[in-house]
Protein backbone atom coordinates (compact mmCIF):
# COMPACT_ATOMS: atom_id res chain seq x y z
CA UNK A 1 0.00 0.00 0.00
CA UNK A 2 1.26 3.48 -0.93
CA UNK A 3 0.42 5.32 2.30
CA UNK A 4 1.64 8.71 1.08
CA UNK A 5 -0.59 8.57 -1.99
CA UNK A 6 -3.59 7.37 0.05
CA UNK A 7 -3.17 10.16 2.62
CA UNK A 8 -2.88 12.81 -0.10
CA UNK A 9 -6.01 11.51 -1.84
CA UNK A 10 -8.08 11.37 1.33
CA UNK A 11 -6.94 14.79 2.53
CA UNK A 12 -7.98 16.20 -0.84
CA UNK A 13 -11.33 14.35 -0.76
CA UNK A 14 -12.15 15.48 2.77
CA UNK A 15 -11.39 19.11 2.01
CA UNK A 16 -13.52 18.93 -1.12
CA UNK A 17 -16.48 17.28 0.63
CA UNK A 18 -16.50 19.50 3.73
CA UNK A 19 -15.64 22.75 1.92
CA UNK A 20 -16.15 25.67 4.30
CA UNK A 21 -18.31 23.60 6.64
CA UNK A 22 -17.67 21.90 9.97
CA UNK A 23 -17.16 18.19 10.57
CA UNK A 24 -17.45 16.11 13.73
CA UNK A 25 -15.14 13.17 14.28
CA UNK A 26 -16.05 10.19 16.45
CA UNK A 27 -12.97 8.91 18.30
CA UNK A 28 -13.07 5.70 20.34
CA UNK A 29 -9.31 5.21 20.68
CA UNK A 30 -9.14 2.15 18.43
CA UNK A 31 -6.76 2.16 15.48
CA UNK A 32 -9.52 2.79 12.89
CA UNK A 33 -11.03 5.84 14.59
CA UNK A 34 -7.57 7.10 15.58
CA UNK A 35 -6.37 7.01 11.97
CA UNK A 36 -9.51 8.86 10.86
CA UNK A 37 -8.87 11.43 13.59
CA UNK A 38 -5.28 12.04 12.46
CA UNK A 39 -6.30 12.09 8.79
CA UNK A 40 -9.23 14.44 9.42
CA UNK A 41 -7.10 16.72 11.59
CA UNK A 42 -4.49 16.94 8.81
CA UNK A 43 -7.15 17.71 6.20
CA UNK A 44 -9.50 20.02 8.08
CA UNK A 45 -7.65 21.52 11.06
CA UNK A 46 -10.03 23.71 13.05
CA UNK A 47 -12.94 22.68 10.84
CA UNK A 48 -12.86 19.30 12.59
CA UNK A 49 -14.21 18.82 16.09
CA UNK A 50 -13.22 15.50 17.67
CA UNK A 51 -15.37 13.97 20.40
CA UNK A 52 -15.18 10.88 22.57
CA UNK A 53 -18.61 9.44 23.38
CA UNK A 54 -18.67 8.12 26.95
CA UNK A 55 -21.31 5.42 26.47
CA UNK A 56 -20.85 3.52 29.72
CA UNK A 57 -19.73 0.45 27.76
CA UNK A 58 -15.99 1.10 27.66
CA UNK A 59 -13.07 -0.41 29.55
CA UNK A 60 -11.97 1.08 32.86
CA UNK A 61 -10.40 4.54 32.41
CA UNK A 62 -10.67 4.40 28.62
CA UNK A 63 -11.96 7.92 28.06
CA UNK A 64 -9.18 9.56 30.10
CA UNK A 65 -6.43 7.54 28.37
CA UNK A 66 -7.69 8.36 24.89
CA UNK A 67 -8.12 12.08 25.58
CA UNK A 68 -4.64 12.33 27.14
CA UNK A 69 -3.02 10.46 24.23
CA UNK A 70 -4.47 12.78 21.62
CA UNK A 71 -3.82 15.91 23.68
CA UNK A 72 -0.13 14.92 23.55
CA UNK A 73 -0.45 14.78 19.74
CA UNK A 74 -1.91 18.29 19.66
CA UNK A 75 -5.45 17.13 18.92
CA UNK A 76 -8.07 18.30 21.45
CA UNK A 77 -10.86 15.83 22.25
CA UNK A 78 -14.16 16.71 23.89
CA UNK A 79 -15.88 14.10 26.07
CA UNK A 80 -19.65 13.70 25.58
CA UNK A 81 -21.43 11.90 28.42
CA UNK A 82 -24.11 9.63 26.93
CA UNK A 83 -24.09 6.82 29.49
CA UNK A 84 -27.75 7.15 30.46
CA UNK A 85 -28.85 7.15 26.82
CA UNK A 86 -26.97 3.99 25.87
CA UNK A 87 -27.79 2.00 29.01
CA UNK A 88 -31.42 3.09 28.71
CA UNK A 89 -31.57 1.94 25.08
CA UNK A 90 -30.09 -1.46 26.01
CA UNK A 91 -32.29 -2.10 29.04
CA UNK A 92 -34.18 -5.38 28.64
CA UNK A 93 -32.65 -6.12 25.21
CA UNK A 94 -31.16 -9.60 24.81
CA UNK A 95 -31.26 -10.35 21.07
CA UNK A 96 -27.82 -9.67 19.48
CA UNK A 97 -29.23 -7.93 16.39
CA UNK A 98 -31.57 -5.75 18.44
CA UNK A 99 -28.64 -4.81 20.69
CA UNK A 100 -26.56 -3.65 17.75
CA UNK A 101 -29.52 -1.76 16.27
CA UNK A 102 -30.18 -0.04 19.61
CA UNK A 103 -26.55 1.08 19.77
CA UNK A 104 -26.63 2.30 16.16
CA UNK A 105 -29.80 4.33 16.73
CA UNK A 106 -28.53 5.82 20.00
CA UNK A 107 -25.16 6.65 18.50
CA UNK A 108 -26.31 8.26 15.25
CA UNK A 109 -29.75 9.63 16.08
CA UNK A 110 -29.76 10.55 19.77
CA UNK A 111 -26.12 11.41 20.50
CA UNK A 112 -24.70 12.66 17.22
CA UNK A 113 -28.01 14.14 16.15
CA UNK A 114 -27.77 16.38 19.23
CA UNK A 115 -24.05 17.11 18.76
CA UNK A 116 -24.60 18.04 15.12
CA UNK A 117 -27.48 20.39 15.90
CA UNK A 118 -25.57 22.11 18.69
CA UNK A 119 -22.38 22.55 16.66
CA UNK A 120 -23.90 23.34 13.27
CA UNK A 121 -21.82 20.57 11.65
CA UNK A 122 -23.07 18.73 8.58
CA UNK A 123 -20.51 15.92 8.35
CA UNK A 124 -19.54 13.02 10.61
CA UNK A 125 -16.21 11.24 10.08
CA UNK A 126 -16.26 7.57 10.94
CA UNK A 127 -13.67 4.78 10.93
CA UNK A 128 -15.59 2.21 8.87
CA UNK A 129 -13.29 -0.34 7.22
CA UNK A 130 -13.93 -2.87 4.46
CA UNK A 131 -14.34 -5.86 6.81
CA UNK A 132 -17.13 -4.01 8.68
CA UNK A 133 -18.99 -3.52 5.40
CA UNK A 134 -18.48 -7.07 4.13
CA UNK A 135 -19.65 -8.78 7.33
CA UNK A 136 -22.73 -6.58 7.61
CA UNK A 137 -23.80 -6.85 3.98
CA UNK A 138 -23.24 -10.63 4.06
CA UNK A 139 -25.49 -10.88 7.12
CA UNK A 140 -22.75 -12.33 9.36
CA UNK A 141 -23.29 -9.63 11.97
CA UNK A 142 -24.49 -6.05 11.91
CA UNK A 143 -21.64 -3.60 12.55
CA UNK A 144 -22.93 -0.51 14.32
CA UNK A 145 -21.20 1.88 11.87
CA UNK A 146 -22.78 0.58 8.66
CA UNK A 147 -25.53 2.77 7.21
CA UNK A 148 -25.46 3.63 3.50
CA UNK A 149 -24.27 0.13 2.62
CA UNK A 150 -27.60 -1.13 4.01
CA UNK A 151 -29.61 1.47 2.14
CA UNK A 152 -29.83 3.92 5.08
CA UNK A 153 -29.35 7.51 3.92
CA UNK A 154 -27.88 9.24 7.00
CA UNK A 155 -28.59 12.72 5.65
CA UNK A 156 -32.29 11.92 5.23
CA UNK A 157 -32.65 9.84 8.42
CA UNK A 158 -30.30 11.70 10.79
CA UNK A 159 -29.76 15.08 9.11
CA UNK A 160 -26.06 14.88 8.29
CA UNK A 161 -23.61 13.13 5.95
CA UNK A 162 -21.22 10.38 7.04
CA UNK A 163 -17.71 10.35 5.57
CA UNK A 164 -15.75 7.08 5.63
CA UNK A 165 -12.19 7.61 4.36
CA UNK A 166 -11.05 4.09 5.34
CA UNK A 167 -13.90 2.11 3.74
CA UNK A 168 -11.60 0.45 1.14
CA UNK A 169 -8.98 -0.69 3.69
CA UNK A 170 -8.54 -3.72 5.92
CA UNK A 171 -7.06 -3.76 9.43
CA UNK A 172 -3.47 -4.44 8.35
CA UNK A 173 -3.62 -1.50 5.91
CA UNK A 174 -5.02 0.76 8.65
CA UNK A 175 -2.15 -0.17 10.98
CA UNK A 176 0.37 0.69 8.25
CA UNK A 177 -1.41 4.00 7.67
CA UNK A 178 -1.29 4.78 11.40
CA UNK A 179 2.50 4.62 11.30
CA UNK A 180 2.64 6.84 8.21
CA UNK A 181 0.49 9.44 10.00
CA UNK A 182 2.86 9.49 12.97
CA UNK A 183 0.59 7.80 15.49
CA UNK A 184 2.42 6.01 18.34
CA UNK A 185 2.84 2.22 18.35
CA UNK A 186 0.43 1.97 21.29
CA UNK A 187 -2.30 3.04 18.87
CA UNK A 188 -1.02 1.53 15.61
CA UNK A 189 -0.65 -1.94 17.15
CA UNK A 190 -3.50 -1.77 19.63
CA UNK A 191 -5.69 -4.86 19.70
CA UNK A 192 -9.11 -4.39 18.05
CA UNK A 193 -11.94 -3.23 20.27
CA UNK A 194 -15.49 -3.13 18.87
CA UNK A 195 -17.49 0.07 18.43
CA UNK A 196 -20.35 -1.26 20.59
CA UNK A 197 -17.60 -1.98 23.15
CA UNK A 198 -18.37 -4.35 26.03
CA UNK A 199 -21.98 -4.73 24.88
CA UNK A 200 -20.64 -7.21 22.30
CA UNK A 201 -19.07 -9.23 25.12
CA UNK A 202 -22.16 -9.70 27.23
CA UNK A 203 -24.51 -12.46 26.12
CA UNK A 204 -27.98 -11.40 27.24
CA UNK A 205 -29.03 -8.12 28.82
CA UNK A 206 -26.48 -5.35 29.34
CA UNK A 207 -26.71 -3.95 32.86
CA UNK A 208 -24.34 -1.88 34.98
CA UNK A 209 -23.71 -4.89 37.22
CA UNK A 210 -22.88 -7.20 34.29
CA UNK A 211 -20.72 -4.50 32.71
CA UNK A 212 -18.73 -4.22 35.94
CA UNK A 213 -18.10 -7.99 35.85
CA UNK A 214 -16.93 -8.15 32.24
CA UNK A 215 -14.91 -4.95 32.73
CA UNK A 216 -12.92 -6.61 35.54
CA UNK A 217 -12.43 -9.76 33.48
CA UNK A 218 -11.31 -7.70 30.48
CA UNK A 219 -8.63 -5.96 32.52
CA UNK A 220 -7.30 -9.32 33.72
CA UNK A 221 -7.27 -10.86 30.23
CA UNK A 222 -5.55 -7.86 28.65
CA UNK A 223 -2.90 -7.82 31.36
CA UNK A 224 -2.21 -11.56 31.27
CA UNK A 225 -2.23 -12.01 27.47
CA UNK A 226 -0.49 -8.82 26.33
CA UNK A 227 2.80 -10.69 26.02
CA UNK A 228 1.35 -13.23 23.56
CA UNK A 229 1.45 -10.75 20.67
CA UNK A 230 -1.90 -12.13 19.54
CA UNK A 231 -4.17 -10.19 17.18
CA UNK A 232 -6.95 -9.95 19.77
CA UNK A 233 -7.83 -11.24 23.23
CA UNK A 234 -11.00 -10.64 25.19
CA UNK A 235 -13.36 -11.76 27.93
CA UNK A 236 -17.03 -12.62 27.42
CA UNK A 237 -19.77 -12.91 30.04
CA UNK A 238 -22.27 -15.66 29.22
CA UNK A 239 -25.95 -15.56 30.07
CA UNK A 240 -25.88 -19.05 31.58
CA UNK A 241 -24.89 -19.81 35.15
CA UNK A 242 -23.19 -22.79 36.75
CA UNK A 243 -23.08 -24.34 40.19
CA UNK A 244 -19.90 -23.86 42.17
CA UNK A 245 -18.45 -23.67 45.68
CA UNK A 246 -17.33 -20.53 47.48
CA UNK A 247 -16.53 -20.32 51.19
CA UNK A 248 -17.72 -23.93 51.53
CA UNK A 249 -21.17 -23.00 50.27
CA UNK A 250 -22.98 -23.77 47.03
CA UNK A 251 -22.95 -20.90 44.54
CA UNK A 252 -24.88 -20.40 41.32
CA UNK A 253 -22.30 -18.29 39.57
CA UNK A 254 -21.49 -16.53 36.32
CA UNK A 255 -19.32 -17.87 33.49
CA UNK A 256 -16.53 -15.97 31.75
CA UNK A 257 -15.13 -17.14 28.42
CA UNK A 258 -11.61 -16.08 27.38
CA UNK A 259 -10.87 -15.73 23.67
CA UNK A 260 -7.43 -15.17 22.12
CA UNK A 261 -6.91 -15.34 18.35
CA UNK A 262 -4.36 -14.88 15.55
CA UNK A 263 -5.35 -12.95 12.42
CA UNK A 264 -4.25 -10.16 10.08
CA UNK A 265 -7.53 -8.63 8.93
CA UNK A 266 -10.23 -10.27 11.13
CA UNK A 267 -11.81 -12.08 8.16
CA UNK A 268 -10.43 -15.39 9.40
CA UNK A 269 -8.79 -16.27 12.71
CA UNK A 270 -7.01 -19.14 14.43
CA UNK A 271 -6.95 -19.77 18.16
CA UNK A 272 -3.75 -18.89 20.02
CA UNK A 273 -2.19 -21.93 21.71
CA UNK A 274 -1.64 -20.56 25.19
CA UNK A 275 0.61 -22.38 27.65
CA UNK A 276 -1.09 -24.07 30.60
CA UNK A 277 0.49 -21.85 33.31
CA UNK A 278 -0.99 -18.76 31.62
CA UNK A 279 -4.44 -20.36 31.37
CA UNK A 280 -4.17 -21.45 35.00
CA UNK A 281 -3.39 -17.86 36.12
CA UNK A 282 -6.31 -16.54 34.07
CA UNK A 283 -8.74 -18.99 35.64
CA UNK A 284 -7.45 -18.25 39.13
CA UNK A 285 -7.73 -14.48 38.77
CA UNK A 286 -11.04 -14.43 36.91
CA UNK A 287 -12.79 -16.72 39.38
CA UNK A 288 -11.84 -14.29 42.15
CA UNK A 289 -14.25 -11.79 40.59
CA UNK A 290 -17.36 -11.70 42.83
CA UNK A 291 -20.08 -13.94 41.43
CA UNK A 292 -17.88 -15.67 38.82
CA UNK A 293 -17.09 -19.34 39.40
CA UNK A 294 -16.24 -20.65 35.92
CA UNK A 295 -13.56 -19.61 33.40
CA UNK A 296 -13.51 -21.25 29.95
CA UNK A 297 -11.07 -20.94 27.02
CA UNK A 298 -12.66 -20.76 23.55
CA UNK A 299 -10.93 -23.06 21.02
CA UNK A 300 -13.10 -22.15 18.01
CA UNK A 301 -11.52 -20.55 14.92
CA UNK A 302 -13.25 -18.07 12.60
CA UNK A 303 -15.13 -19.53 10.78
CA UNK A 304 -17.28 -21.17 12.07
CA UNK A 305 -17.26 -18.69 15.00
CA UNK A 306 -17.04 -14.94 14.75
CA UNK A 307 -14.45 -13.19 16.92
CA UNK A 308 -16.98 -11.45 19.15
CA UNK A 309 -19.96 -13.20 20.74
CA UNK A 310 -22.71 -10.65 20.02
């Protein structure tokens, strides 16, 4: 991939599309949205307003880390608190497709609809990549950032246009582009994290209590498996429960699944063969989380499984 040529083309395209207007950029801290942020900042300067949506579904301390990282790069980021809106939209929802639709509607209509009206912006930059489009169009799973590719006209439905400068790229291309744009390795090589965040790692209803559980498990998994160099590793909270023993008493506890995979572009994936001592430490630490008494390791490649559970 010729990164210099791609950057020049996208900078030119963004300037042409936005003109004298104002654009909003949605930054989550993942490599896709980070690359769009750097690209948009280079193209539009003060015509681009970057925001981090605090949706209540992120990892511990995520918002602060992302804002600090980009402040060090000279890119100001505004935090928008939308926790009540997202958790309210997800209350009582258990079906995976309905979950993703609820997140899409809250993100684009409720949150960004308000941000756009208040700022007077007409364009939203988003880090959609080719794999997102392919999986959604093929019906494998609905990615929350896919609109026009499903026949949804965001300007008609939400009142603004969505610009997707990375829609022809895959994850490995985006990582290469991150380096060319001068983003630090901590961003360029960061493991993928889904737009709907921890909602994709809770099977069943998303509640504050269940989020707290999977958030703790996520921190443990990311700490223990960082040295593997794997493409992605994550923790999932199942909806089922299992009997167990805690403090010499019977417990009907929650089940955490650990997933760790090797891939280049997320289209296919193989399971990482983790040494027993590492799996043993994971199980020990995760079953110390209050209410969790089972820890499983997922051995399923993609296909037939997807990487995420929801």
